[in-house]
């Protein structure tokens, strides 16, 4: 965990970066320095909490309407989440896990727990409690049952995390990209 921002700010900064808000805009919104926010976002980029580092600031010629967060626009990851939910009959949290499992060769439990905490922070920013790390195992168990119907297996790497083999990835890719 990064020492540059306290936990609630850390999650908010990652969510804003995920939505396409520039680093300086996040820093202004949180009342923190751009350097601290950048350090925090580099950590989240490293652990897979965000997929890319946002730009430094809004372009000087940007219109106010261009400052809208990406979740208000159609974004590929949002579409992928909805596709996972609809096609595989997953909950939003399970769909978040699925994206992490598909984007990485191996997903460690800490990264998956971060998905839980991020979604929880989006729902209730006023509650500083964290969830039990065993929740990852519970959600993976539920996902295994749902994915077994499609012939996909989530394999455990004992003491580390989980992964989906190449055959399972191919099945999921076919299911998620086929027109419905």
N, C-alpha and C. Protein backbone atom coordinates (compact mmCIF):
# COMPACT_ATOMS: atom_id res chain seq x y z
N UNK A 1 0.84 -1.18 0.00
CA UNK A 1 0.00 0.00 0.00
C UNK A 1 0.88 1.24 0.00
N UNK A 2 0.50 2.21 -0.73
CA UNK A 2 1.29 3.43 -0.84
C UNK A 2 1.15 4.27 0.43
N UNK A 3 2.22 4.98 0.78
CA UNK A 3 2.20 5.84 1.95
C UNK A 3 1.82 7.27 1.60
N UNK A 4 1.60 7.56 0.33
CA UNK A 4 1.39 8.93 -0.09
C UNK A 4 -0.02 9.44 0.18
N UNK A 5 -1.01 8.58 0.17
CA UNK A 5 -2.39 9.00 0.41
C UNK A 5 -3.03 8.05 1.42
N UNK A 6 -3.93 8.60 2.24
CA UNK A 6 -4.65 7.74 3.17
C UNK A 6 -5.59 6.84 2.38
N UNK A 7 -6.03 5.74 2.95
CA UNK A 7 -6.82 4.72 2.26
C UNK A 7 -8.03 5.24 1.49
N UNK A 8 -8.94 6.04 2.08
CA UNK A 8 -10.10 6.46 1.30
C UNK A 8 -9.70 7.31 0.09
N UNK A 9 -8.71 8.21 0.26
CA UNK A 9 -8.25 9.03 -0.85
C UNK A 9 -7.61 8.18 -1.93
N UNK A 10 -6.90 7.17 -1.49
CA UNK A 10 -6.22 6.25 -2.38
C UNK A 10 -7.22 5.58 -3.34
N UNK A 11 -8.31 5.08 -2.80
CA UNK A 11 -9.33 4.41 -3.62
C UNK A 11 -10.07 5.40 -4.52
N UNK A 12 -10.34 6.59 -4.00
CA UNK A 12 -11.02 7.60 -4.80
C UNK A 12 -10.12 8.03 -5.96
N UNK A 13 -8.84 8.22 -5.69
CA UNK A 13 -7.90 8.62 -6.75
C UNK A 13 -7.84 7.55 -7.84
N UNK A 14 -7.81 6.29 -7.44
CA UNK A 14 -7.76 5.21 -8.43
C UNK A 14 -9.03 5.17 -9.26
N UNK A 15 -10.16 5.38 -8.62
CA UNK A 15 -11.44 5.36 -9.35
C UNK A 15 -11.50 6.52 -10.35
N UNK A 16 -11.09 7.72 -9.92
CA UNK A 16 -11.09 8.86 -10.82
C UNK A 16 -10.14 8.65 -11.99
N UNK A 17 -8.97 8.07 -11.72
CA UNK A 17 -8.02 7.79 -12.79
C UNK A 17 -8.60 6.78 -13.76
N UNK A 18 -9.28 5.78 -13.21
CA UNK A 18 -9.93 4.78 -14.04
C UNK A 18 -10.97 5.42 -14.95
N UNK A 19 -11.60 6.47 -14.49
CA UNK A 19 -12.62 7.17 -15.26
C UNK A 19 -12.04 8.19 -16.23
N UNK A 20 -10.69 8.31 -16.26
CA UNK A 20 -10.06 9.20 -17.23
C UNK A 20 -9.80 10.60 -16.74
N UNK A 21 -9.93 10.86 -15.45
CA UNK A 21 -9.67 12.18 -14.91
C UNK A 21 -8.15 12.35 -14.78
N UNK A 22 -7.59 13.46 -15.26
CA UNK A 22 -6.14 13.67 -15.20
C UNK A 22 -5.61 13.78 -13.77
N UNK A 23 -4.31 13.54 -13.63
CA UNK A 23 -3.64 13.53 -12.33
C UNK A 23 -3.84 14.86 -11.59
N UNK A 24 -3.59 15.98 -12.26
CA UNK A 24 -3.72 17.29 -11.60
C UNK A 24 -5.15 17.56 -11.16
N UNK A 25 -6.12 17.14 -11.94
CA UNK A 25 -7.53 17.34 -11.56
C UNK A 25 -7.87 16.51 -10.33
N UNK A 26 -7.33 15.29 -10.25
CA UNK A 26 -7.55 14.45 -9.07
C UNK A 26 -6.93 15.11 -7.84
N UNK A 27 -5.70 15.61 -8.01
CA UNK A 27 -5.00 16.26 -6.91
C UNK A 27 -5.78 17.48 -6.41
N UNK A 28 -6.30 18.28 -7.34
CA UNK A 28 -7.09 19.45 -6.94
C UNK A 28 -8.37 19.02 -6.20
N UNK A 29 -9.02 17.99 -6.71
CA UNK A 29 -10.27 17.52 -6.09
C UNK A 29 -10.05 16.99 -4.68
N UNK A 30 -8.91 16.32 -4.46
CA UNK A 30 -8.62 15.73 -3.16
C UNK A 30 -7.85 16.66 -2.23
N UNK A 31 -7.38 17.78 -2.77
CA UNK A 31 -6.58 18.71 -1.96
C UNK A 31 -5.22 18.14 -1.62
N UNK A 32 -4.66 17.35 -2.51
CA UNK A 32 -3.36 16.72 -2.32
C UNK A 32 -2.40 17.20 -3.40
N UNK A 33 -1.11 16.91 -3.24
CA UNK A 33 -0.14 17.33 -4.26
C UNK A 33 -0.20 16.36 -5.44
N UNK A 34 0.12 16.88 -6.62
CA UNK A 34 0.14 16.04 -7.82
C UNK A 34 1.16 14.92 -7.70
N UNK A 35 2.28 15.18 -7.04
CA UNK A 35 3.31 14.16 -6.86
C UNK A 35 2.79 13.00 -6.03
N UNK A 36 2.06 13.29 -4.95
CA UNK A 36 1.50 12.23 -4.12
C UNK A 36 0.47 11.41 -4.89
N UNK A 37 -0.38 12.11 -5.65
CA UNK A 37 -1.40 11.41 -6.43
C UNK A 37 -0.73 10.55 -7.50
N UNK A 38 0.30 11.07 -8.17
CA UNK A 38 1.02 10.31 -9.19
C UNK A 38 1.64 9.05 -8.58
N UNK A 39 2.27 9.17 -7.41
CA UNK A 39 2.85 8.00 -6.73
C UNK A 39 1.78 6.96 -6.43
N UNK A 40 0.66 7.42 -5.92
CA UNK A 40 -0.46 6.53 -5.61
C UNK A 40 -0.93 5.82 -6.87
N UNK A 41 -1.09 6.56 -7.97
CA UNK A 41 -1.58 5.97 -9.22
C UNK A 41 -0.56 5.01 -9.83
N UNK A 42 0.71 5.30 -9.66
CA UNK A 42 1.74 4.37 -10.15
C UNK A 42 1.64 3.03 -9.42
N UNK A 43 1.34 3.08 -8.11
CA UNK A 43 1.13 1.86 -7.34
C UNK A 43 -0.07 1.09 -7.89
N UNK A 44 -1.18 1.80 -8.12
CA UNK A 44 -2.39 1.15 -8.63
C UNK A 44 -2.18 0.59 -10.04
N UNK A 45 -1.37 1.25 -10.82
CA UNK A 45 -1.04 0.76 -12.15
C UNK A 45 -0.23 -0.53 -12.03
N UNK A 46 0.68 -0.56 -11.08
CA UNK A 46 1.53 -1.73 -10.85
C UNK A 46 0.73 -2.95 -10.40
N UNK A 47 -0.27 -2.75 -9.54
CA UNK A 47 -1.04 -3.89 -9.03
C UNK A 47 -2.25 -4.22 -9.89
N UNK A 48 -2.47 -3.43 -10.94
CA UNK A 48 -3.58 -3.72 -11.84
C UNK A 48 -4.89 -3.06 -11.46
N UNK A 49 -4.87 -2.13 -10.53
CA UNK A 49 -6.08 -1.42 -10.14
C UNK A 49 -6.57 -0.47 -11.23
N UNK A 50 -5.62 0.08 -11.97
CA UNK A 50 -5.95 0.89 -13.15
C UNK A 50 -5.15 0.33 -14.31
N UNK A 51 -5.63 0.54 -15.53
CA UNK A 51 -4.96 -0.06 -16.68
C UNK A 51 -3.98 0.88 -17.35
N UNK A 52 -4.12 2.19 -17.15
CA UNK A 52 -3.17 3.13 -17.71
C UNK A 52 -3.11 4.38 -16.86
N UNK A 53 -1.95 5.04 -16.91
CA UNK A 53 -1.76 6.28 -16.16
C UNK A 53 -2.49 7.40 -16.88
N UNK A 54 -3.30 8.17 -16.16
CA UNK A 54 -4.00 9.27 -16.83
C UNK A 54 -3.04 10.39 -17.22
N UNK A 55 -3.49 11.28 -18.10
CA UNK A 55 -2.67 12.40 -18.52
C UNK A 55 -2.44 13.34 -17.34
N UNK A 56 -1.47 14.24 -17.48
CA UNK A 56 -1.11 15.14 -16.39
C UNK A 56 -2.24 16.11 -16.04
N UNK A 57 -2.85 16.72 -17.05
CA UNK A 57 -3.94 17.67 -16.80
C UNK A 57 -4.80 17.79 -18.05
N UNK A 58 -5.96 18.45 -17.91
CA UNK A 58 -6.83 18.69 -19.05
C UNK A 58 -6.08 19.56 -20.06
N UNK A 59 -6.28 19.34 -21.36
CA UNK A 59 -5.68 20.24 -22.34
C UNK A 59 -6.25 21.65 -22.16
N UNK A 60 -5.44 22.69 -22.41
CA UNK A 60 -5.92 24.05 -22.19
C UNK A 60 -7.13 24.41 -23.07
N UNK A 61 -7.27 23.75 -24.20
CA UNK A 61 -8.37 24.05 -25.11
C UNK A 61 -9.59 23.17 -24.88
N UNK A 62 -9.54 22.31 -23.87
CA UNK A 62 -10.64 21.37 -23.62
C UNK A 62 -11.90 22.11 -23.19
N UNK A 63 -13.02 21.67 -23.72
CA UNK A 63 -14.31 22.21 -23.30
C UNK A 63 -14.70 21.60 -21.98
N UNK A 64 -15.57 22.25 -21.26
CA UNK A 64 -16.03 21.72 -19.98
C UNK A 64 -16.69 20.34 -20.15
N UNK A 65 -17.40 20.15 -21.25
CA UNK A 65 -18.06 18.87 -21.51
C UNK A 65 -17.04 17.75 -21.70
N UNK A 66 -15.81 18.09 -22.11
CA UNK A 66 -14.77 17.07 -22.29
C UNK A 66 -14.25 16.57 -20.95
N UNK A 67 -14.59 17.25 -19.87
CA UNK A 67 -14.10 16.87 -18.55
C UNK A 67 -14.96 15.81 -17.88
N UNK A 68 -16.00 15.34 -18.57
CA UNK A 68 -16.86 14.32 -17.98
C UNK A 68 -16.08 13.03 -17.76
N UNK A 69 -16.29 12.35 -16.64
CA UNK A 69 -15.65 11.05 -16.43
C UNK A 69 -16.07 10.06 -17.52
N UNK A 70 -15.21 9.13 -17.80
CA UNK A 70 -15.46 8.16 -18.87
C UNK A 70 -16.69 7.30 -18.60
N UNK A 71 -17.06 7.08 -17.31
CA UNK A 71 -18.21 6.22 -17.07
C UNK A 71 -19.50 6.83 -17.60
N UNK A 72 -19.48 8.13 -17.88
CA UNK A 72 -20.64 8.76 -18.48
C UNK A 72 -20.64 8.59 -20.00
N UNK A 73 -19.55 8.11 -20.53
CA UNK A 73 -19.43 7.82 -21.95
C UNK A 73 -19.35 6.30 -22.08
N UNK A 74 -19.50 5.79 -23.28
CA UNK A 74 -19.34 4.34 -23.48
C UNK A 74 -17.85 4.03 -23.50
N UNK A 75 -17.41 3.21 -22.59
CA UNK A 75 -16.00 2.84 -22.55
C UNK A 75 -15.87 1.34 -22.71
N UNK A 76 -14.78 0.90 -23.32
CA UNK A 76 -14.61 -0.54 -23.57
C UNK A 76 -14.69 -1.40 -22.31
N UNK A 77 -14.06 -0.99 -21.22
CA UNK A 77 -14.07 -1.82 -20.01
C UNK A 77 -15.48 -1.93 -19.44
N UNK A 78 -16.23 -0.85 -19.49
CA UNK A 78 -17.60 -0.88 -19.00
C UNK A 78 -18.42 -1.86 -19.83
N UNK A 79 -18.21 -1.84 -21.13
CA UNK A 79 -18.91 -2.76 -22.02
C UNK A 79 -18.50 -4.20 -21.72
N UNK A 80 -17.22 -4.41 -21.45
CA UNK A 80 -16.74 -5.76 -21.09
C UNK A 80 -17.39 -6.23 -19.80
N UNK A 81 -17.48 -5.35 -18.82
CA UNK A 81 -18.13 -5.73 -17.56
C UNK A 81 -19.59 -6.12 -17.79
N UNK A 82 -20.28 -5.31 -18.54
CA UNK A 82 -21.69 -5.61 -18.82
C UNK A 82 -21.84 -6.90 -19.61
N UNK A 83 -20.91 -7.13 -20.53
CA UNK A 83 -20.95 -8.36 -21.33
C UNK A 83 -20.73 -9.58 -20.43
N UNK A 84 -19.77 -9.49 -19.51
CA UNK A 84 -19.53 -10.59 -18.56
C UNK A 84 -20.77 -10.85 -17.72
N UNK A 85 -21.41 -9.79 -17.27
CA UNK A 85 -22.60 -9.95 -16.44
C UNK A 85 -23.71 -10.62 -17.23
N UNK A 86 -23.93 -10.15 -18.44
CA UNK A 86 -25.06 -10.64 -19.24
C UNK A 86 -24.81 -12.06 -19.77
N UNK A 87 -23.68 -12.27 -20.42
CA UNK A 87 -23.41 -13.54 -21.08
C UNK A 87 -23.13 -14.66 -20.07
N UNK A 88 -22.35 -14.36 -19.03
CA UNK A 88 -21.95 -15.39 -18.07
C UNK A 88 -22.82 -15.40 -16.81
N UNK A 89 -23.80 -14.50 -16.75
CA UNK A 89 -24.69 -14.40 -15.61
C UNK A 89 -23.92 -14.14 -14.31
N UNK A 90 -23.03 -13.14 -14.34
CA UNK A 90 -22.21 -12.79 -13.19
C UNK A 90 -22.73 -11.52 -12.54
N UNK A 91 -22.46 -11.38 -11.25
CA UNK A 91 -22.77 -10.15 -10.53
C UNK A 91 -21.73 -9.10 -10.94
N UNK A 92 -21.95 -7.82 -10.64
CA UNK A 92 -20.94 -6.81 -10.97
C UNK A 92 -19.58 -7.11 -10.35
N UNK A 93 -19.56 -7.58 -9.12
CA UNK A 93 -18.30 -7.91 -8.46
C UNK A 93 -17.62 -9.10 -9.14
N UNK A 94 -18.38 -10.12 -9.47
CA UNK A 94 -17.82 -11.28 -10.17
C UNK A 94 -17.30 -10.87 -11.55
N UNK A 95 -18.00 -9.96 -12.22
CA UNK A 95 -17.55 -9.47 -13.53
C UNK A 95 -16.23 -8.72 -13.39
N UNK A 96 -16.07 -7.96 -12.31
CA UNK A 96 -14.80 -7.28 -12.04
C UNK A 96 -13.68 -8.28 -11.85
N UNK A 97 -13.94 -9.36 -11.11
CA UNK A 97 -12.97 -10.43 -10.94
C UNK A 97 -12.62 -11.05 -12.29
N UNK A 98 -13.65 -11.27 -13.12
CA UNK A 98 -13.44 -11.90 -14.42
C UNK A 98 -12.50 -11.06 -15.28
N UNK A 99 -12.70 -9.75 -15.29
CA UNK A 99 -11.82 -8.89 -16.08
C UNK A 99 -10.38 -8.98 -15.60
N UNK A 100 -10.18 -9.01 -14.29
CA UNK A 100 -8.82 -9.14 -13.75
C UNK A 100 -8.22 -10.49 -14.18
N UNK A 101 -9.01 -11.55 -14.07
CA UNK A 101 -8.51 -12.88 -14.46
C UNK A 101 -8.19 -12.96 -15.95
N UNK A 102 -8.95 -12.25 -16.77
CA UNK A 102 -8.70 -12.28 -18.22
C UNK A 102 -7.54 -11.38 -18.63
N UNK A 103 -7.31 -10.30 -17.90
CA UNK A 103 -6.24 -9.37 -18.25
C UNK A 103 -4.87 -9.83 -17.78
N UNK A 104 -4.83 -10.74 -16.84
CA UNK A 104 -3.56 -11.17 -16.25
C UNK A 104 -3.37 -12.67 -16.43
N UNK A 105 -2.11 -13.08 -16.46
CA UNK A 105 -1.83 -14.51 -16.49
C UNK A 105 -2.24 -15.14 -15.16
N UNK A 106 -1.92 -14.46 -14.06
CA UNK A 106 -2.28 -14.91 -12.72
C UNK A 106 -2.82 -13.70 -11.96
N UNK A 107 -3.87 -13.90 -11.19
CA UNK A 107 -4.42 -12.83 -10.36
C UNK A 107 -4.20 -13.20 -8.90
N UNK A 108 -3.39 -12.39 -8.20
CA UNK A 108 -3.16 -12.71 -6.79
C UNK A 108 -4.35 -12.25 -5.95
N UNK A 109 -4.44 -12.82 -4.77
CA UNK A 109 -5.59 -12.55 -3.90
C UNK A 109 -5.66 -11.07 -3.50
N UNK A 110 -4.52 -10.44 -3.35
CA UNK A 110 -4.50 -9.02 -2.98
C UNK A 110 -5.14 -8.16 -4.07
N UNK A 111 -4.86 -8.45 -5.31
CA UNK A 111 -5.45 -7.71 -6.43
C UNK A 111 -6.96 -7.92 -6.47
N UNK A 112 -7.40 -9.16 -6.29
CA UNK A 112 -8.83 -9.45 -6.30
C UNK A 112 -9.53 -8.80 -5.10
N UNK A 113 -8.86 -8.77 -3.96
CA UNK A 113 -9.43 -8.10 -2.79
C UNK A 113 -9.54 -6.60 -3.06
N UNK A 114 -8.61 -6.06 -3.80
CA UNK A 114 -8.65 -4.65 -4.17
C UNK A 114 -9.90 -4.35 -5.01
N UNK A 115 -10.30 -5.28 -5.86
CA UNK A 115 -11.52 -5.12 -6.66
C UNK A 115 -12.73 -4.99 -5.73
N UNK A 116 -12.78 -5.83 -4.71
CA UNK A 116 -13.87 -5.77 -3.73
C UNK A 116 -13.88 -4.40 -3.04
N UNK A 117 -12.72 -3.99 -2.55
CA UNK A 117 -12.62 -2.72 -1.81
C UNK A 117 -12.97 -1.53 -2.70
N UNK A 118 -12.56 -1.56 -3.95
CA UNK A 118 -12.85 -0.46 -4.86
C UNK A 118 -14.35 -0.35 -5.10
N UNK A 119 -15.00 -1.48 -5.37
CA UNK A 119 -16.45 -1.44 -5.59
C UNK A 119 -17.18 -1.02 -4.33
N UNK A 120 -16.69 -1.46 -3.20
CA UNK A 120 -17.31 -1.09 -1.92
C UNK A 120 -17.15 0.40 -1.66
N UNK A 121 -15.98 0.95 -1.99
CA UNK A 121 -15.73 2.37 -1.79
C UNK A 121 -16.63 3.21 -2.70
N UNK A 122 -16.92 2.71 -3.88
CA UNK A 122 -17.80 3.45 -4.79
C UNK A 122 -19.22 3.49 -4.25
N UNK A 123 -19.63 2.43 -3.59
CA UNK A 123 -20.98 2.38 -3.04
C UNK A 123 -21.10 3.16 -1.75
N UNK A 124 -20.10 3.03 -0.85
CA UNK A 124 -20.18 3.65 0.47
C UNK A 124 -18.84 4.25 0.84
N UNK A 125 -18.62 5.48 0.44
CA UNK A 125 -17.36 6.15 0.74
C UNK A 125 -17.25 6.55 2.21
N UNK A 126 -18.38 6.56 2.93
CA UNK A 126 -18.38 7.01 4.32
C UNK A 126 -18.03 5.91 5.32
N UNK A 127 -17.87 4.67 4.86
CA UNK A 127 -17.59 3.55 5.76
C UNK A 127 -16.15 3.10 5.58
N UNK A 128 -15.27 3.38 6.56
CA UNK A 128 -13.85 3.05 6.42
C UNK A 128 -13.50 1.58 6.67
N UNK A 129 -14.47 0.75 7.06
CA UNK A 129 -14.19 -0.67 7.32
C UNK A 129 -13.75 -1.37 6.04
N UNK A 130 -12.87 -2.36 6.18
CA UNK A 130 -12.48 -3.17 5.03
C UNK A 130 -13.16 -4.53 5.14
N UNK A 131 -13.25 -5.20 4.01
CA UNK A 131 -13.86 -6.53 4.01
C UNK A 131 -12.80 -7.58 4.31
N UNK A 132 -13.26 -8.73 4.76
CA UNK A 132 -12.38 -9.85 5.06
C UNK A 132 -11.77 -10.39 3.76
N UNK A 133 -10.51 -10.72 3.79
CA UNK A 133 -9.82 -11.22 2.61
C UNK A 133 -10.37 -12.58 2.16
N UNK A 134 -11.07 -13.28 3.04
CA UNK A 134 -11.68 -14.56 2.68
C UNK A 134 -12.81 -14.39 1.66
N UNK A 135 -13.30 -13.15 1.52
CA UNK A 135 -14.35 -12.88 0.54
C UNK A 135 -13.90 -13.25 -0.87
N UNK A 136 -12.61 -13.11 -1.14
CA UNK A 136 -12.09 -13.47 -2.46
C UNK A 136 -12.38 -14.94 -2.73
N UNK A 137 -12.10 -15.79 -1.76
CA UNK A 137 -12.33 -17.23 -1.91
C UNK A 137 -13.81 -17.54 -2.13
N UNK A 138 -14.67 -16.83 -1.41
CA UNK A 138 -16.12 -17.04 -1.53
C UNK A 138 -16.60 -16.68 -2.94
N UNK A 139 -16.14 -15.54 -3.43
CA UNK A 139 -16.56 -15.09 -4.76
C UNK A 139 -16.02 -16.02 -5.84
N UNK A 140 -14.78 -16.47 -5.71
CA UNK A 140 -14.19 -17.40 -6.68
C UNK A 140 -15.00 -18.70 -6.69
N UNK A 141 -15.41 -19.18 -5.52
CA UNK A 141 -16.21 -20.40 -5.44
C UNK A 141 -17.53 -20.24 -6.21
N UNK A 142 -18.19 -19.10 -6.03
CA UNK A 142 -19.44 -18.85 -6.75
C UNK A 142 -19.21 -18.75 -8.25
N UNK A 143 -18.10 -18.12 -8.63
CA UNK A 143 -17.78 -17.99 -10.06
C UNK A 143 -17.50 -19.35 -10.68
N UNK A 144 -16.81 -20.20 -9.95
CA UNK A 144 -16.50 -21.54 -10.47
C UNK A 144 -17.78 -22.29 -10.86
N UNK A 145 -18.79 -22.19 -10.02
CA UNK A 145 -20.06 -22.87 -10.31
C UNK A 145 -20.69 -22.31 -11.57
N UNK A 146 -20.67 -21.00 -11.73
CA UNK A 146 -21.28 -20.37 -12.90
C UNK A 146 -20.49 -20.67 -14.18
N UNK A 147 -19.17 -20.69 -14.07
CA UNK A 147 -18.34 -20.91 -15.25
C UNK A 147 -18.26 -22.38 -15.66
N UNK A 148 -18.52 -23.28 -14.72
CA UNK A 148 -18.49 -24.72 -15.03
C UNK A 148 -19.51 -25.05 -16.11
N UNK A 149 -20.61 -24.31 -16.16
CA UNK A 149 -21.64 -24.53 -17.19
C UNK A 149 -21.10 -24.29 -18.59
N UNK A 150 -20.05 -23.48 -18.68
CA UNK A 150 -19.46 -23.14 -19.98
C UNK A 150 -18.17 -23.92 -20.23
N UNK A 151 -17.78 -24.78 -19.31
CA UNK A 151 -16.56 -25.57 -19.47
C UNK A 151 -15.30 -24.82 -19.12
N UNK A 152 -15.41 -23.78 -18.30
CA UNK A 152 -14.26 -22.97 -17.90
C UNK A 152 -13.94 -23.26 -16.44
N UNK A 153 -12.65 -23.41 -16.15
CA UNK A 153 -12.21 -23.70 -14.80
C UNK A 153 -11.28 -22.60 -14.30
N UNK A 154 -11.50 -22.15 -13.07
CA UNK A 154 -10.57 -21.23 -12.41
C UNK A 154 -9.67 -22.09 -11.54
N UNK A 155 -8.38 -22.06 -11.81
CA UNK A 155 -7.41 -22.89 -11.10
C UNK A 155 -6.76 -22.08 -9.97
N UNK A 156 -6.56 -22.75 -8.83
CA UNK A 156 -5.93 -22.11 -7.68
C UNK A 156 -4.42 -22.29 -7.73
N UNK A 157 -3.71 -21.21 -7.46
CA UNK A 157 -2.27 -21.28 -7.23
C UNK A 157 -2.14 -21.14 -5.72
N UNK A 158 -1.90 -22.25 -5.04
CA UNK A 158 -1.95 -22.26 -3.58
C UNK A 158 -1.03 -21.22 -2.97
N UNK A 159 -1.62 -20.43 -2.08
CA UNK A 159 -0.88 -19.40 -1.37
C UNK A 159 -0.68 -18.12 -2.17
N UNK A 160 -1.10 -18.11 -3.44
CA UNK A 160 -0.90 -16.91 -4.28
C UNK A 160 -2.20 -16.35 -4.81
N UNK A 161 -2.89 -17.11 -5.64
CA UNK A 161 -4.07 -16.57 -6.28
C UNK A 161 -4.73 -17.56 -7.22
N UNK A 162 -5.13 -17.07 -8.40
CA UNK A 162 -5.92 -17.88 -9.33
C UNK A 162 -5.54 -17.56 -10.77
N UNK A 163 -5.91 -18.49 -11.68
CA UNK A 163 -5.74 -18.22 -13.10
C UNK A 163 -6.73 -19.05 -13.90
N UNK A 164 -6.92 -18.62 -15.16
CA UNK A 164 -7.75 -19.36 -16.11
C UNK A 164 -6.80 -19.81 -17.21
N UNK A 165 -6.82 -21.12 -17.53
CA UNK A 165 -5.90 -21.64 -18.54
C UNK A 165 -6.28 -21.14 -19.94
N UNK A 166 -5.41 -21.43 -20.92
CA UNK A 166 -5.61 -20.93 -22.29
C UNK A 166 -6.91 -21.44 -22.91
N UNK A 167 -7.25 -22.70 -22.66
CA UNK A 167 -8.49 -23.25 -23.22
C UNK A 167 -9.70 -22.50 -22.66
N UNK A 168 -9.68 -22.24 -21.37
CA UNK A 168 -10.77 -21.49 -20.75
C UNK A 168 -10.84 -20.06 -21.25
N UNK A 169 -9.67 -19.45 -21.45
CA UNK A 169 -9.63 -18.09 -21.99
C UNK A 169 -10.25 -18.04 -23.39
N UNK A 170 -9.95 -19.06 -24.18
CA UNK A 170 -10.48 -19.10 -25.54
C UNK A 170 -12.01 -19.26 -25.52
N UNK A 171 -12.50 -20.11 -24.64
CA UNK A 171 -13.95 -20.29 -24.51
C UNK A 171 -14.60 -18.96 -24.12
N UNK A 172 -14.01 -18.29 -23.14
CA UNK A 172 -14.57 -17.01 -22.68
C UNK A 172 -14.52 -15.95 -23.77
N UNK A 173 -13.42 -15.90 -24.50
CA UNK A 173 -13.30 -14.94 -25.59
C UNK A 173 -14.38 -15.18 -26.64
N UNK A 174 -14.59 -16.44 -26.98
CA UNK A 174 -15.62 -16.78 -27.97
C UNK A 174 -17.01 -16.38 -27.46
N UNK A 175 -17.28 -16.68 -26.19
CA UNK A 175 -18.59 -16.34 -25.62
C UNK A 175 -18.81 -14.83 -25.57
N UNK A 176 -17.76 -14.09 -25.17
CA UNK A 176 -17.91 -12.66 -24.97
C UNK A 176 -17.87 -11.85 -26.25
N UNK A 177 -17.30 -12.41 -27.31
CA UNK A 177 -17.22 -11.66 -28.57
C UNK A 177 -18.26 -12.09 -29.59
N UNK A 178 -18.92 -13.22 -29.37
CA UNK A 178 -19.91 -13.66 -30.34
C UNK A 178 -21.15 -12.77 -30.28
N UNK A 179 -21.72 -12.43 -31.42
CA UNK A 179 -22.91 -11.58 -31.41
C UNK A 179 -24.10 -12.34 -30.83
N UNK A 180 -24.89 -11.63 -30.07
CA UNK A 180 -26.05 -12.26 -29.43
C UNK A 180 -27.32 -11.69 -30.00
